Amino acid sequence: MAKLQPGDPAPAFEAADQEGRTVKLSDFKGRKVFVYFYPKANTSG
């Protein structure tokens, strides 16, 4: 996958939220979205 540049549209994705529910980017179509994640959250690394 190519690296995104500022202003590029985000690719379609889904992930679990803090409650373990699956959410998709398309669930927020037409709204501004800020995605914040911890790549090593809850790990020893």
PDB file of N, CA and C in Angstrom:
ATOM      1  N   MET A   1       0.845  -1.166   0.000  1.00  0.00           N
ATOM      2  CA  MET A   1       0.000   0.000   0.000  1.00  0.00           C
ATOM      3  C   MET A   1       0.895   1.235   0.000  1.00  0.00           C
ATOM      4  N   ALA A   2       0.550   2.194  -0.810  1.00  0.00           N
ATOM      5  CA  ALA A   2       1.305   3.441  -0.892  1.00  0.00           C
ATOM      6  C   ALA A   2       1.097   4.274   0.361  1.00  0.00           C
ATOM      7  N   LYS A   3       2.100   5.042   0.719  1.00  0.00           N
ATOM      8  CA  LYS A   3       2.004   5.936   1.870  1.00  0.00           C
ATOM      9  C   LYS A   3       1.056   7.090   1.550  1.00  0.00           C
ATOM     10  N   LEU A   4       0.179   7.392   2.490  1.00  0.00           N
ATOM     11  CA  LEU A   4      -0.757   8.502   2.294  1.00  0.00           C
ATOM     12  C   LEU A   4      -0.046   9.838   2.461  1.00  0.00           C
ATOM     13  N   GLN A   5      -0.508  10.802   1.723  1.00  0.00           N
ATOM     14  CA  GLN A   5       0.003  12.165   1.811  1.00  0.00           C
ATOM     15  C   GLN A   5      -1.102  13.042   2.400  1.00  0.00           C
ATOM     16  N   PRO A   6      -0.742  14.174   3.001  1.00  0.00           N
ATOM     17  CA  PRO A   6      -1.772  15.073   3.519  1.00  0.00           C
ATOM     18  C   PRO A   6      -2.787  15.413   2.436  1.00  0.00           C
ATOM     19  N   GLY A   7      -4.067  15.302   2.785  1.00  0.00           N
ATOM     20  CA  GLY A   7      -5.141  15.600   1.852  1.00  0.00           C
ATOM     21  C   GLY A   7      -5.649  14.386   1.096  1.00  0.00           C
ATOM     22  N   ASP A   8      -4.917  13.260   1.148  1.00  0.00           N
ATOM     23  CA  ASP A   8      -5.384  12.039   0.489  1.00  0.00           C
ATOM     24  C   ASP A   8      -6.596  11.490   1.226  1.00  0.00           C
ATOM     25  N   PRO A   9      -7.526  10.884   0.494  1.00  0.00           N
ATOM     26  CA  PRO A   9      -8.654  10.241   1.176  1.00  0.00           C
ATOM     27  C   PRO A   9      -8.169   8.989   1.903  1.00  0.00           C
ATOM     28  N   ALA A  10      -8.752   8.711   3.027  1.00  0.00           N
ATOM     29  CA  ALA A  10      -8.383   7.519   3.795  1.00  0.00           C
ATOM     30  C   ALA A  10      -8.912   6.275   3.096  1.00  0.00           C
ATOM     31  N   PRO A  11      -8.152   5.182   3.127  1.00  0.00           N
ATOM     32  CA  PRO A  11      -8.667   3.936   2.564  1.00  0.00           C
ATOM     33  C   PRO A  11      -9.758   3.365   3.472  1.00  0.00           C
ATOM     34  N   ALA A  12     -10.614   2.550   2.911  1.00  0.00           N
ATOM     35  CA  ALA A  12     -11.662   1.899   3.711  1.00  0.00           C
ATOM     36  C   ALA A  12     -10.995   0.974   4.727  1.00  0.00           C
ATOM     37  N   PHE A  13     -11.459   1.016   5.966  1.00  0.00           N
ATOM     38  CA  PHE A  13     -10.932   0.117   6.988  1.00  0.00           C
ATOM     39  C   PHE A  13     -11.975  -0.101   8.056  1.00  0.00           C
ATOM     40  N   GLU A  14     -11.743  -1.129   8.866  1.00  0.00           N
ATOM     41  CA  GLU A  14     -12.569  -1.359  10.046  1.00  0.00           C
ATOM     42  C   GLU A  14     -11.647  -1.763  11.178  1.00  0.00           C
ATOM     43  N   ALA A  15     -12.076  -1.465  12.391  1.00  0.00           N
ATOM     44  CA  ALA A  15     -11.279  -1.759  13.577  1.00  0.00           C
ATOM     45  C   ALA A  15     -12.208  -1.854  14.779  1.00  0.00           C
ATOM     46  N   ALA A  16     -11.686  -2.416  15.840  1.00  0.00           N
ATOM     47  CA  ALA A  16     -12.459  -2.513  17.075  1.00  0.00           C
ATOM     48  C   ALA A  16     -12.319  -1.219  17.863  1.00  0.00           C
ATOM     49  N   ASP A  17     -13.425  -0.756  18.453  1.00  0.00           N
ATOM     50  CA  ASP A  17     -13.365   0.420  19.309  1.00  0.00           C
ATOM     51  C   ASP A  17     -12.988   0.002  20.726  1.00  0.00           C
ATOM     52  N   GLN A  18     -13.004   0.939  21.655  1.00  0.00           N
ATOM     53  CA  GLN A  18     -12.588   0.667  23.025  1.00  0.00           C
ATOM     54  C   GLN A  18     -13.504  -0.326  23.738  1.00  0.00           C
ATOM     55  N   GLU A  19     -14.678  -0.546  23.182  1.00  0.00           N
ATOM     56  CA  GLU A  19     -15.618  -1.511  23.758  1.00  0.00           C
ATOM     57  C   GLU A  19     -15.582  -2.858  23.036  1.00  0.00           C
ATOM     58  N   GLY A  20     -14.707  -2.969  22.027  1.00  0.00           N
ATOM     59  CA  GLY A  20     -14.584  -4.206  21.278  1.00  0.00           C
ATOM     60  C   GLY A  20     -15.549  -4.330  20.112  1.00  0.00           C
ATOM     61  N   ARG A  21     -16.355  -3.291  19.870  1.00  0.00           N
ATOM     62  CA  ARG A  21     -17.301  -3.304  18.752  1.00  0.00           C
ATOM     63  C   ARG A  21     -16.574  -2.931  17.461  1.00  0.00           C
ATOM     64  N   THR A  22     -16.927  -3.574  16.375  1.00  0.00           N
ATOM     65  CA  THR A  22     -16.314  -3.260  15.089  1.00  0.00           C
ATOM     66  C   THR A  22     -16.972  -2.015  14.505  1.00  0.00           C
ATOM     67  N   VAL A  23     -16.144  -1.068  14.118  1.00  0.00           N
ATOM     68  CA  VAL A  23     -16.618   0.142  13.442  1.00  0.00           C
ATOM     69  C   VAL A  23     -15.869   0.260  12.120  1.00  0.00           C
ATOM     70  N   LYS A  24     -16.544   0.817  11.127  1.00  0.00           N
ATOM     71  CA  LYS A  24     -15.957   1.011   9.807  1.00  0.00           C
ATOM     72  C   LYS A  24     -15.869   2.500   9.521  1.00  0.00           C
ATOM     73  N   LEU A  25     -14.884   2.867   8.755  1.00  0.00           N
ATOM     74  CA  LEU A  25     -14.770   4.267   8.362  1.00  0.00           C
ATOM     75  C   LEU A  25     -16.056   4.718   7.671  1.00  0.00           C
ATOM     76  N   SER A  26     -16.652   3.846   6.885  1.00  0.00           N
ATOM     77  CA  SER A  26     -17.880   4.207   6.166  1.00  0.00           C
ATOM     78  C   SER A  26     -19.039   4.513   7.116  1.00  0.00           C
ATOM     79  N   ASP A  27     -18.957   4.069   8.378  1.00  0.00           N
ATOM     80  CA  ASP A  27     -19.993   4.402   9.360  1.00  0.00           C
ATOM     81  C   ASP A  27     -20.060   5.911   9.622  1.00  0.00           C
ATOM     82  N   PHE A  28     -19.002   6.617   9.268  1.00  0.00           N
ATOM     83  CA  PHE A  28     -18.897   8.049   9.560  1.00  0.00           C
ATOM     84  C   PHE A  28     -18.904   8.903   8.291  1.00  0.00           C
ATOM     85  N   LYS A  29     -19.395   8.335   7.193  1.00  0.00           N
ATOM     86  CA  LYS A  29     -19.400   9.043   5.920  1.00  0.00           C
ATOM     87  C   LYS A  29     -20.087  10.407   6.073  1.00  0.00           C
ATOM     88  N   GLY A  30     -19.433  11.440   5.537  1.00  0.00           N
ATOM     89  CA  GLY A  30     -19.980  12.792   5.596  1.00  0.00           C
ATOM     90  C   GLY A  30     -19.635  13.539   6.867  1.00  0.00           C
ATOM     91  N   ARG A  31     -18.924  12.897   7.772  1.00  0.00           N
ATOM     92  CA  ARG A  31     -18.535  13.527   9.042  1.00  0.00           C
ATOM     93  C   ARG A  31     -17.017  13.593   9.130  1.00  0.00           C
ATOM     94  N   LYS A  32     -16.507  14.537   9.891  1.00  0.00           N
ATOM     95  CA  LYS A  32     -15.070  14.597  10.139  1.00  0.00           C
ATOM     96  C   LYS A  32     -14.713  13.532  11.161  1.00  0.00           C
ATOM     97  N   VAL A  33     -13.604  12.847  10.925  1.00  0.00           N
ATOM     98  CA  VAL A  33     -13.190  11.749  11.798  1.00  0.00           C
ATOM     99  C   VAL A  33     -11.729  11.931  12.177  1.00  0.00           C
ATOM    100  N   PHE A  34     -11.440  11.748  13.437  1.00  0.00           N
ATOM    101  CA  PHE A  34     -10.071  11.763  13.936  1.00  0.00           C
ATOM    102  C   PHE A  34      -9.786  10.359  14.451  1.00  0.00           C
ATOM    103  N   VAL A  35      -8.811   9.696  13.870  1.00  0.00           N
ATOM    104  CA  VAL A  35      -8.467   8.329  14.281  1.00  0.00           C
ATOM    105  C   VAL A  35      -7.214   8.395  15.134  1.00  0.00           C
ATOM    106  N   TYR A  36      -7.319   7.872  16.336  1.00  0.00           N
ATOM    107  CA  TYR A  36      -6.199   7.878  17.280  1.00  0.00           C
ATOM    108  C   TYR A  36      -6.006   6.454  17.775  1.00  0.00           C
ATOM    109  N   PHE A  37      -4.811   5.953  17.657  1.00  0.00           N
ATOM    110  CA  PHE A  37      -4.578   4.592  18.099  1.00  0.00           C
ATOM    111  C   PHE A  37      -3.207   4.472  18.755  1.00  0.00           C
ATOM    112  N   TYR A  38      -3.057   3.445  19.533  1.00  0.00           N
ATOM    113  CA  TYR A  38      -1.810   3.134  20.204  1.00  0.00           C
ATOM    114  C   TYR A  38      -1.280   1.839  19.609  1.00  0.00           C
ATOM    115  N   PRO A  39      -0.263   1.896  18.755  1.00  0.00           N
ATOM    116  CA  PRO A  39       0.227   0.683  18.111  1.00  0.00           C
ATOM    117  C   PRO A  39       0.703  -0.394  19.091  1.00  0.00           C
ATOM    118  N   LYS A  40       1.183   0.006  20.242  1.00  0.00           N
ATOM    119  CA  LYS A  40       1.679  -0.976  21.200  1.00  0.00           C
ATOM    120  C   LYS A  40       0.884  -0.978  22.507  1.00  0.00           C
ATOM    121  N   ALA A  41      -0.337  -0.497  22.453  1.00  0.00           N
ATOM    122  CA  ALA A  41      -1.153  -0.456  23.654  1.00  0.00           C
ATOM    123  C   ALA A  41      -1.402  -1.866  24.169  1.00  0.00           C
ATOM    124  N   ASN A  42      -1.377  -2.002  25.466  1.00  0.00           N
ATOM    125  CA  ASN A  42      -1.627  -3.289  26.127  1.00  0.00           C
ATOM    126  C   ASN A  42      -0.639  -4.374  25.719  1.00  0.00           C
ATOM    127  N   THR A  43       0.577  -3.975  25.382  1.00  0.00           N
ATOM    128  CA  THR A  43       1.624  -4.955  25.062  1.00  0.00           C
ATOM    129  C   THR A  43       2.836  -4.659  25.929  1.00  0.00           C
ATOM    130  N   SER A  44       3.737  -5.578  25.965  1.00  0.00           N
ATOM    131  CA  SER A  44       4.958  -5.376  26.751  1.00  0.00           C
ATOM    132  C   SER A  44       5.975  -4.519  26.008  1.00  0.00           C
ATOM    133  N   GLY A  45       5.746  -4.275  24.721  1.00  0.00           N
ATOM    134  CA  GLY A  45       6.714  -3.556  23.892  1.00  0.00           C
ATOM    135  C   GLY A  45       6.545  -2.102  23.922  1.00  0.00           C
TER     136      GLY A  45
END
